[in-house]
Amino acid sequence: MPPRRSPLGIPAPRLRVFLLIAAAALSLALAVPPLASWSWLPGPPAARAAAPPRVAIVFEHAGASLADLAPIYAMHQPFGLGIFPHKRYSVQIVRDAMAHGLVPILHLPMEARNPADTAPVAGAVWVRMTDAQITRIVEDDLASTPGVVGVSNHAGSRATADPRIMTAVLRTVKARGLWFEENRTTPASVASDVAARLGVRRVLITTYLDDPPVDIERKVRALIPLAQRQGSVLAAAHITTGTPRVVLRLLPEFRRAGIVFVPITEFLAP
């Protein structure tokens, strides 16, 4: 005897199974929240939390003293540290910087338009040098600061405006797998342009915290609204001007404002 059929023409036993499956599926659909509410899925850009304002600071002129670095180490932040070559503590400071989570950078002396700005510093690059001499100088400077991950210019208003000089410097930087931080000391600088042409990763400092004449505390405080407005700020300061102690004292204000200190490497251009 053939099985009874429903009005839809489906055998009754099969209809019962079909209805049970449909009921179970409906129950599951009602129990599971909509896909858009799943917390592990990224929402649309407008719904995501805004990234906190970021500040990167590089403290420069390290190498001659250890005492100047105490307030920098005390902050436990990933600051950059520009270290002169051939100084008494150059090697130790690179090692200590890495141990404290800082970014060690060779602060390469380069010829300025005023020679007095360059003369007191050993290991300087001068425009009268040949390409081979420049390569040797940069290699010697790097050997005196083993472990640095980048190179920045100290002074250099004359040298950074010379394409030949910058090509010789940056070819050596690239050969060592390092990157370049430009402190722009002249509008005529070609440093970043040459770095881009050679494929050297690079970053340009945009704010200086203690170039005279300046109220250092006011300048450091100004980083907060500047970062909130722009989203990020790249700043440089000297370790011998008292700026590190000012930043240390104002650190709670940065935290209350939601400012995050980040390493300068976050801003490297490819």
C-alpha atoms as a PDB file:
ATOM      1  CA  MET A   1       0.000   0.000   0.000  1.00  0.00           C
ATOM      2  CA  PRO A   2       1.549   3.343  -1.027  1.00  0.00           C
ATOM      3  CA  PRO A   3       2.182   5.908   1.777  1.00  0.00           C
ATOM      4  CA  ARG A   4      -0.372   8.610   2.375  1.00  0.00           C
ATOM      5  CA  ARG A   5       0.385  11.893   0.704  1.00  0.00           C
ATOM      6  CA  SER A   6      -0.151  15.429   1.980  1.00  0.00           C
ATOM      7  CA  PRO A   7      -2.231  17.930   0.032  1.00  0.00           C
ATOM      8  CA  LEU A   8       1.122  19.168  -1.397  1.00  0.00           C
ATOM      9  CA  GLY A   9       1.791  15.753  -2.849  1.00  0.00           C
ATOM     10  CA  ILE A  10       4.655  14.991  -0.399  1.00  0.00           C
ATOM     11  CA  PRO A  11       4.514  11.633   1.447  1.00  0.00           C
ATOM     12  CA  ALA A  12       3.470  12.271   5.068  1.00  0.00           C
ATOM     13  CA  PRO A  13       6.637  10.832   6.713  1.00  0.00           C
ATOM     14  CA  ARG A  14       8.848  13.021   4.553  1.00  0.00           C
ATOM     15  CA  LEU A  15       6.690  16.062   5.268  1.00  0.00           C
ATOM     16  CA  ARG A  16       7.120  15.553   9.023  1.00  0.00           C
ATOM     17  CA  VAL A  17      10.923  15.412   8.632  1.00  0.00           C
ATOM     18  CA  PHE A  18      10.875  18.513   6.436  1.00  0.00           C
ATOM     19  CA  LEU A  19       8.803  20.442   8.987  1.00  0.00           C
ATOM     20  CA  LEU A  20      11.102  19.421  11.858  1.00  0.00           C
ATOM     21  CA  ILE A  21      14.183  20.625   9.961  1.00  0.00           C
ATOM     22  CA  ALA A  22      12.488  23.906   9.042  1.00  0.00           C
ATOM     23  CA  ALA A  23      11.452  24.506  12.658  1.00  0.00           C
ATOM     24  CA  ALA A  24      14.984  23.836  13.903  1.00  0.00           C
ATOM     25  CA  ALA A  25      16.471  26.222  11.336  1.00  0.00           C
ATOM     26  CA  LEU A  26      14.003  28.957  12.302  1.00  0.00           C
ATOM     27  CA  SER A  27      14.810  28.495  15.994  1.00  0.00           C
ATOM     28  CA  LEU A  28      18.549  28.766  15.313  1.00  0.00           C
ATOM     29  CA  ALA A  29      18.097  31.894  13.216  1.00  0.00           C
ATOM     30  CA  LEU A  30      16.164  33.574  16.009  1.00  0.00           C
ATOM     31  CA  ALA A  31      18.813  32.642  18.604  1.00  0.00           C
ATOM     32  CA  VAL A  32      21.861  33.913  16.661  1.00  0.00           C
ATOM     33  CA  PRO A  33      22.371  37.706  16.636  1.00  0.00           C
ATOM     34  CA  PRO A  34      22.634  39.523  13.312  1.00  0.00           C
ATOM     35  CA  LEU A  35      26.028  39.261  11.594  1.00  0.00           C
ATOM     36  CA  ALA A  36      26.675  42.989  11.991  1.00  0.00           C
ATOM     37  CA  SER A  37      26.575  42.632  15.773  1.00  0.00           C
ATOM     38  CA  TRP A  38      29.322  39.995  15.975  1.00  0.00           C
ATOM     39  CA  SER A  39      32.022  41.728  18.013  1.00  0.00           C
ATOM     40  CA  TRP A  40      34.956  39.976  16.368  1.00  0.00           C
ATOM     41  CA  LEU A  41      34.074  41.256  12.911  1.00  0.00           C
ATOM     42  CA  PRO A  42      35.479  44.685  11.893  1.00  0.00           C
ATOM     43  CA  GLY A  43      32.729  47.219  11.564  1.00  0.00           C
ATOM     44  CA  PRO A  44      32.565  49.975   8.971  1.00  0.00           C
ATOM     45  CA  PRO A  45      35.293  52.640   9.272  1.00  0.00           C
ATOM     46  CA  ALA A  46      32.968  55.144  10.954  1.00  0.00           C
ATOM     47  CA  ALA A  47      32.103  52.631  13.658  1.00  0.00           C
ATOM     48  CA  ARG A  48      35.688  51.767  14.569  1.00  0.00           C
ATOM     49  CA  ALA A  49      37.383  53.523  17.470  1.00  0.00           C
ATOM     50  CA  ALA A  50      39.505  56.458  16.327  1.00  0.00           C
ATOM     51  CA  ALA A  51      43.255  55.878  16.590  1.00  0.00           C
ATOM     52  CA  PRO A  52      44.831  57.842  19.455  1.00  0.00           C
ATOM     53  CA  PRO A  53      47.025  60.839  18.584  1.00  0.00           C
ATOM     54  CA  ARG A  54      50.666  59.806  18.224  1.00  0.00           C
ATOM     55  CA  VAL A  55      53.882  61.629  19.100  1.00  0.00           C
ATOM     56  CA  ALA A  56      57.408  60.505  18.225  1.00  0.00           C
ATOM     57  CA  ILE A  57      60.338  62.317  19.846  1.00  0.00           C
ATOM     58  CA  VAL A  58      64.021  61.936  19.009  1.00  0.00           C
ATOM     59  CA  PHE A  59      66.452  63.191  21.664  1.00  0.00           C
ATOM     60  CA  GLU A  60      69.774  64.126  20.073  1.00  0.00           C
ATOM     61  CA  HIS A  61      73.417  64.905  20.950  1.00  0.00           C
ATOM     62  CA  ALA A  62      73.980  61.819  23.108  1.00  0.00           C
ATOM     63  CA  GLY A  63      77.441  60.347  23.555  1.00  0.00           C
ATOM     64  CA  ALA A  64      79.467  62.561  25.870  1.00  0.00           C
ATOM     65  CA  SER A  65      77.571  61.962  29.120  1.00  0.00           C
ATOM     66  CA  LEU A  66      75.454  59.286  30.765  1.00  0.00           C
ATOM     67  CA  ALA A  67      73.798  61.576  33.316  1.00  0.00           C
ATOM     68  CA  ASP A  68      71.786  63.449  30.672  1.00  0.00           C
ATOM     69  CA  LEU A  69      69.978  60.229  29.749  1.00  0.00           C
ATOM     70  CA  ALA A  70      68.479  59.426  33.165  1.00  0.00           C
ATOM     71  CA  PRO A  71      65.157  61.277  32.612  1.00  0.00           C
ATOM     72  CA  ILE A  72      64.780  59.667  29.177  1.00  0.00           C
ATOM     73  CA  TYR A  73      65.230  56.167  30.564  1.00  0.00           C
ATOM     74  CA  ALA A  74      62.870  56.981  33.451  1.00  0.00           C
ATOM     75  CA  MET A  75      59.939  57.611  31.084  1.00  0.00           C
ATOM     76  CA  HIS A  76      59.916  54.073  29.631  1.00  0.00           C
ATOM     77  CA  GLN A  77      58.793  55.342  26.228  1.00  0.00           C
ATOM     78  CA  PRO A  78      60.058  54.316  22.757  1.00  0.00           C
ATOM     79  CA  PHE A  79      61.858  57.577  22.023  1.00  0.00           C
ATOM     80  CA  GLY A  80      64.583  57.882  19.412  1.00  0.00           C
ATOM     81  CA  LEU A  81      68.095  58.649  20.602  1.00  0.00           C
ATOM     82  CA  GLY A  82      70.546  60.414  18.275  1.00  0.00           C
ATOM     83  CA  ILE A  83      74.086  59.393  19.269  1.00  0.00           C
ATOM     84  CA  PHE A  84      77.260  61.168  18.143  1.00  0.00           C
ATOM     85  CA  PRO A  85      80.042  58.943  16.800  1.00  0.00           C
ATOM     86  CA  HIS A  86      83.451  58.597  18.458  1.00  0.00           C
ATOM     87  CA  LYS A  87      82.311  59.925  21.834  1.00  0.00           C
ATOM     88  CA  ARG A  88      83.377  58.488  25.177  1.00  0.00           C
ATOM     89  CA  TYR A  89      80.078  56.698  25.783  1.00  0.00           C
ATOM     90  CA  SER A  90      78.830  56.152  22.223  1.00  0.00           C
ATOM     91  CA  VAL A  91      79.054  52.346  22.340  1.00  0.00           C
ATOM     92  CA  GLN A  92      77.568  52.049  25.821  1.00  0.00           C
ATOM     93  CA  ILE A  93      74.695  54.415  25.040  1.00  0.00           C
ATOM     94  CA  VAL A  94      73.663  52.392  21.980  1.00  0.00           C
ATOM     95  CA  ARG A  95      73.591  49.271  24.140  1.00  0.00           C
ATOM     96  CA  ASP A  96      71.717  50.985  26.988  1.00  0.00           C
ATOM     97  CA  ALA A  97      69.239  52.575  24.582  1.00  0.00           C
ATOM     98  CA  MET A  98      68.246  49.198  23.175  1.00  0.00           C
ATOM     99  CA  ALA A  99      67.920  47.776  26.689  1.00  0.00           C
ATOM    100  CA  HIS A 100      65.485  50.598  27.560  1.00  0.00           C
ATOM    101  CA  GLY A 101      63.371  50.161  24.428  1.00  0.00           C
ATOM    102  CA  LEU A 102      64.692  53.263  22.672  1.00  0.00           C
ATOM    103  CA  VAL A 103      65.558  53.583  18.975  1.00  0.00           C
ATOM    104  CA  PRO A 104      69.340  54.183  18.630  1.00  0.00           C
ATOM    105  CA  ILE A 105      70.313  56.440  15.706  1.00  0.00           C
ATOM    106  CA  LEU A 106      73.737  57.571  14.493  1.00  0.00           C
ATOM    107  CA  HIS A 107      73.668  61.383  14.658  1.00  0.00           C
ATOM    108  CA  LEU A 108      75.994  62.003  11.715  1.00  0.00           C
ATOM    109  CA  PRO A 109      77.833  65.357  11.772  1.00  0.00           C
ATOM    110  CA  MET A 110      77.626  67.125   8.398  1.00  0.00           C
ATOM    111  CA  GLU A 111      79.083  70.386   7.169  1.00  0.00           C
ATOM    112  CA  ALA A 112      77.034  73.489   7.925  1.00  0.00           C
ATOM    113  CA  ARG A 113      77.233  76.861   6.204  1.00  0.00           C
ATOM    114  CA  ASN A 114      78.786  78.105   9.427  1.00  0.00           C
ATOM    115  CA  PRO A 115      81.821  75.798   9.863  1.00  0.00           C
ATOM    116  CA  ALA A 116      81.817  76.430  13.604  1.00  0.00           C
ATOM    117  CA  ASP A 117      78.606  74.390  13.838  1.00  0.00           C
ATOM    118  CA  THR A 118      80.456  71.322  12.557  1.00  0.00           C
ATOM    119  CA  ALA A 119      84.110  71.661  13.558  1.00  0.00           C
ATOM    120  CA  PRO A 120      83.851  70.536  17.218  1.00  0.00           C
ATOM    121  CA  VAL A 121      82.366  67.159  16.271  1.00  0.00           C
ATOM    122  CA  ALA A 122      84.506  64.202  15.163  1.00  0.00           C
ATOM    123  CA  GLY A 123      83.525  62.074  12.188  1.00  0.00           C
ATOM    124  CA  ALA A 124      81.971  64.882  10.158  1.00  0.00           C
ATOM    125  CA  VAL A 125      81.164  64.786   6.450  1.00  0.00           C
ATOM    126  CA  TRP A 126      82.571  67.783   4.544  1.00  0.00           C
ATOM    127  CA  VAL A 127      81.688  68.820   0.995  1.00  0.00           C
ATOM    128  CA  ARG A 128      85.386  68.886   0.006  1.00  0.00           C
ATOM    129  CA  MET A 129      85.561  65.097   0.500  1.00  0.00           C
ATOM    130  CA  THR A 130      85.535  62.589  -2.334  1.00  0.00           C
ATOM    131  CA  ASP A 131      82.835  59.935  -2.500  1.00  0.00           C
ATOM    132  CA  ALA A 132      85.318  57.332  -1.275  1.00  0.00           C
ATOM    133  CA  GLN A 133      86.270  59.515   1.702  1.00  0.00           C
ATOM    134  CA  ILE A 134      82.608  60.037   2.594  1.00  0.00           C
ATOM    135  CA  THR A 135      81.945  56.312   2.462  1.00  0.00           C
ATOM    136  CA  ARG A 136      84.920  55.664   4.730  1.00  0.00           C
ATOM    137  CA  ILE A 137      83.850  58.378   7.209  1.00  0.00           C
ATOM    138  CA  VAL A 138      80.272  57.067   7.442  1.00  0.00           C
ATOM    139  CA  GLU A 139      81.516  53.488   7.845  1.00  0.00           C
ATOM    140  CA  ASP A 140      83.898  54.578  10.633  1.00  0.00           C
ATOM    141  CA  ASP A 141      81.102  56.497  12.355  1.00  0.00           C
ATOM    142  CA  LEU A 142      78.829  53.447  12.186  1.00  0.00           C
ATOM    143  CA  ALA A 143      81.611  51.267  13.581  1.00  0.00           C
ATOM    144  CA  SER A 144      81.821  53.596  16.589  1.00  0.00           C
ATOM    145  CA  THR A 145      78.072  53.214  17.240  1.00  0.00           C
ATOM    146  CA  PRO A 146      77.462  49.482  16.675  1.00  0.00           C
ATOM    147  CA  GLY A 147      73.790  48.545  16.779  1.00  0.00           C
ATOM    148  CA  VAL A 148      72.203  51.753  15.502  1.00  0.00           C
ATOM    149  CA  VAL A 149      69.193  51.193  13.247  1.00  0.00           C
ATOM    150  CA  GLY A 150      69.126  54.546  11.466  1.00  0.00           C
ATOM    151  CA  VAL A 151      71.163  57.639  10.610  1.00  0.00           C
ATOM    152  CA  SER A 152      70.249  61.308  11.104  1.00  0.00           C
ATOM    153  CA  ASN A 153      72.079  64.485  10.144  1.00  0.00           C
ATOM    154  CA  HIS A 154      73.617  66.797  12.707  1.00  0.00           C
ATOM    155  CA  ALA A 155      73.743  70.338  11.261  1.00  0.00           C
ATOM    156  CA  GLY A 156      74.467  69.938   7.530  1.00  0.00           C
ATOM    157  CA  SER A 157      72.941  73.040   5.982  1.00  0.00           C
ATOM    158  CA  ARG A 158      75.704  72.949   3.349  1.00  0.00           C
ATOM    159  CA  ALA A 159      76.111  69.178   2.957  1.00  0.00           C
ATOM    160  CA  THR A 160      72.418  68.284   2.760  1.00  0.00           C
ATOM    161  CA  ALA A 161      71.967  70.760  -0.111  1.00  0.00           C
ATOM    162  CA  ASP A 162      74.569  68.935  -2.218  1.00  0.00           C
ATOM    163  CA  PRO A 163      73.181  65.995  -4.259  1.00  0.00           C
ATOM    164  CA  ARG A 164      76.612  64.360  -4.651  1.00  0.00           C
ATOM    165  CA  ILE A 165      77.321  64.426  -0.934  1.00  0.00           C
ATOM    166  CA  MET A 166      73.905  63.054  -0.025  1.00  0.00           C
ATOM    167  CA  THR A 167      74.149  60.332  -2.662  1.00  0.00           C
ATOM    168  CA  ALA A 168      77.462  59.144  -1.219  1.00  0.00           C
ATOM    169  CA  VAL A 169      76.114  59.225   2.341  1.00  0.00           C
ATOM    170  CA  LEU A 170      72.821  57.534   1.575  1.00  0.00           C
ATOM    171  CA  ARG A 171      74.323  54.791  -0.577  1.00  0.00           C
ATOM    172  CA  THR A 172      76.303  53.749   2.477  1.00  0.00           C
ATOM    173  CA  VAL A 173      73.193  53.991   4.653  1.00  0.00           C
ATOM    174  CA  LYS A 174      71.276  51.788   2.222  1.00  0.00           C
ATOM    175  CA  ALA A 175      74.106  49.268   1.930  1.00  0.00           C
ATOM    176  CA  ARG A 176      73.932  48.776   5.698  1.00  0.00           C
ATOM    177  CA  GLY A 177      70.159  48.272   5.646  1.00  0.00           C
ATOM    178  CA  LEU A 178      69.538  51.440   7.660  1.00  0.00           C
ATOM    179  CA  TRP A 179      67.084  54.318   7.256  1.00  0.00           C
ATOM    180  CA  PHE A 180      67.543  58.092   7.277  1.00  0.00           C
ATOM    181  CA  GLU A 181      66.013  60.751   9.516  1.00  0.00           C
ATOM    182  CA  GLU A 182      66.292  64.262   8.124  1.00  0.00           C
ATOM    183  CA  ASN A 183      66.627  67.269  10.385  1.00  0.00           C
ATOM    184  CA  ARG A 184      65.989  69.932   7.760  1.00  0.00           C
ATOM    185  CA  THR A 185      68.445  72.749   8.405  1.00  0.00           C
ATOM    186  CA  THR A 186      68.011  74.505   5.058  1.00  0.00           C
ATOM    187  CA  PRO A 187      65.148  74.947   2.588  1.00  0.00           C
ATOM    188  CA  ALA A 188      67.644  73.923  -0.108  1.00  0.00           C
ATOM    189  CA  SER A 189      68.042  70.411   1.314  1.00  0.00           C
ATOM    190  CA  VAL A 190      67.895  67.549  -1.173  1.00  0.00           C
ATOM    191  CA  ALA A 191      68.411  64.839   1.458  1.00  0.00           C
ATOM    192  CA  SER A 192      64.911  63.358   1.419  1.00  0.00           C
ATOM    193  CA  ASP A 193      64.674  63.591  -2.381  1.00  0.00           C
ATOM    194  CA  VAL A 194      67.939  61.698  -2.828  1.00  0.00           C
ATOM    195  CA  ALA A 195      66.838  59.118  -0.255  1.00  0.00           C
ATOM    196  CA  ALA A 196      63.612  58.559  -2.184  1.00  0.00           C
ATOM    197  CA  ARG A 197      65.508  58.192  -5.465  1.00  0.00           C
ATOM    198  CA  LEU A 198      67.862  55.618  -3.943  1.00  0.00           C
ATOM    199  CA  GLY A 199      65.062  53.706  -2.239  1.00  0.00           C
ATOM    200  CA  VAL A 200      66.216  54.546   1.283  1.00  0.00           C
ATOM    201  CA  ARG A 201      63.469  54.545   3.902  1.00  0.00           C
ATOM    202  CA  ARG A 202      63.247  58.013   5.398  1.00  0.00           C
ATOM    203  CA  VAL A 203      61.430  60.320   7.771  1.00  0.00           C
ATOM    204  CA  LEU A 204      61.389  64.098   8.143  1.00  0.00           C
ATOM    205  CA  ILE A 205      61.312  65.794  11.540  1.00  0.00           C
ATOM    206  CA  THR A 206      58.682  68.537  11.523  1.00  0.00           C
ATOM    207  CA  THR A 207      58.852  70.064  15.017  1.00  0.00           C
ATOM    208  CA  TYR A 208      61.828  71.206  17.107  1.00  0.00           C
ATOM    209  CA  LEU A 209      61.274  71.603  20.822  1.00  0.00           C
ATOM    210  CA  ASP A 210      64.278  73.609  21.972  1.00  0.00           C
ATOM    211  CA  ASP A 211      65.744  75.616  19.115  1.00  0.00           C
ATOM    212  CA  PRO A 212      66.476  79.068  20.618  1.00  0.00           C
ATOM    213  CA  PRO A 213      64.826  81.310  21.465  1.00  0.00           C
ATOM    214  CA  VAL A 214      61.993  79.195  22.813  1.00  0.00           C
ATOM    215  CA  ASP A 215      60.023  78.490  25.956  1.00  0.00           C
ATOM    216  CA  ILE A 216      60.653  74.737  26.131  1.00  0.00           C
ATOM    217  CA  GLU A 217      57.731  73.958  28.430  1.00  0.00           C
ATOM    218  CA  ARG A 218      55.318  75.857  26.215  1.00  0.00           C
ATOM    219  CA  LYS A 219      56.671  74.093  23.126  1.00  0.00           C
ATOM    220  CA  VAL A 220      56.379  70.638  24.719  1.00  0.00           C
ATOM    221  CA  ARG A 221      52.829  71.350  25.900  1.00  0.00           C
ATOM    222  CA  ALA A 222      51.933  72.504  22.388  1.00  0.00           C
ATOM    223  CA  LEU A 223      52.565  68.963  21.152  1.00  0.00           C
ATOM    224  CA  ILE A 224      49.267  67.873  22.729  1.00  0.00           C
ATOM    225  CA  PRO A 225      46.824  70.014  20.692  1.00  0.00           C
ATOM    226  CA  LEU A 226      49.062  69.670  17.637  1.00  0.00           C
ATOM    227  CA  ALA A 227      48.893  65.866  17.784  1.00  0.00           C
ATOM    228  CA  GLN A 228      45.151  65.958  18.472  1.00  0.00           C
ATOM    229  CA  ARG A 229      44.624  68.171  15.442  1.00  0.00           C
ATOM    230  CA  GLN A 230      46.993  66.427  13.022  1.00  0.00           C
ATOM    231  CA  GLY A 231      46.830  62.878  14.357  1.00  0.00           C
ATOM    232  CA  SER A 232      50.609  62.654  14.715  1.00  0.00           C
ATOM    233  CA  VAL A 233      53.715  64.777  15.342  1.00  0.00           C
ATOM    234  CA  LEU A 234      57.412  64.033  14.803  1.00  0.00           C
ATOM    235  CA  ALA A 235      59.625  66.116  17.078  1.00  0.00           C
ATOM    236  CA  ALA A 236      63.301  66.450  17.938  1.00  0.00           C
ATOM    237  CA  ALA A 237      65.056  67.895  20.973  1.00  0.00           C
ATOM    238  CA  HIS A 238      68.506  67.984  22.537  1.00  0.00           C
ATOM    239  CA  ILE A 239      69.406  66.028  25.655  1.00  0.00           C
ATOM    240  CA  THR A 240      71.455  68.892  27.114  1.00  0.00           C
ATOM    241  CA  THR A 241      68.796  71.623  27.154  1.00  0.00           C
ATOM    242  CA  GLY A 242      66.617  70.263  29.950  1.00  0.00           C
ATOM    243  CA  THR A 243      63.934  69.179  27.488  1.00  0.00           C
ATOM    244  CA  PRO A 244      63.913  65.522  28.651  1.00  0.00           C
ATOM    245  CA  ARG A 245      63.115  66.624  32.211  1.00  0.00           C
ATOM    246  CA  VAL A 246      60.315  68.858  30.935  1.00  0.00           C
ATOM    247  CA  VAL A 247      58.791  65.961  28.987  1.00  0.00           C
ATOM    248  CA  LEU A 248      59.123  63.727  32.067  1.00  0.00           C
ATOM    249  CA  ARG A 249      57.318  66.284  34.229  1.00  0.00           C
ATOM    250  CA  LEU A 250      54.526  66.758  31.672  1.00  0.00           C
ATOM    251  CA  LEU A 251      54.079  63.052  30.962  1.00  0.00           C
ATOM    252  CA  PRO A 252      50.826  62.850  33.021  1.00  0.00           C
ATOM    253  CA  GLU A 253      49.313  65.615  30.865  1.00  0.00           C
ATOM    254  CA  PHE A 254      50.046  63.624  27.718  1.00  0.00           C
ATOM    255  CA  ARG A 255      48.434  60.541  29.243  1.00  0.00           C
ATOM    256  CA  ARG A 256      45.303  62.428  30.295  1.00  0.00           C
ATOM    257  CA  ALA A 257      45.005  63.788  26.757  1.00  0.00           C
ATOM    258  CA  GLY A 258      45.175  60.274  25.316  1.00  0.00           C
ATOM    259  CA  ILE A 259      48.489  60.896  23.554  1.00  0.00           C
ATOM    260  CA  VAL A 260      50.535  57.793  22.729  1.00  0.00           C
ATOM    261  CA  PHE A 261      54.308  57.971  22.318  1.00  0.00           C
ATOM    262  CA  VAL A 262      55.479  55.797  19.430  1.00  0.00           C
ATOM    263  CA  PRO A 263      58.858  55.014  17.849  1.00  0.00           C
ATOM    264  CA  ILE A 264      59.908  57.151  14.914  1.00  0.00           C
ATOM    265  CA  THR A 265      60.064  53.984  12.817  1.00  0.00           C
ATOM    266  CA  GLU A 266      56.253  54.064  12.580  1.00  0.00           C
ATOM    267  CA  PHE A 267      56.577  57.020  10.197  1.00  0.00           C
ATOM    268  CA  LEU A 268      59.213  55.731   7.777  1.00  0.00           C
ATOM    269  CA  ALA A 269      58.364  56.286   4.126  1.00  0.00           C
ATOM    270  CA  PRO A 270      59.190  53.301   1.882  1.00  0.00           C
END
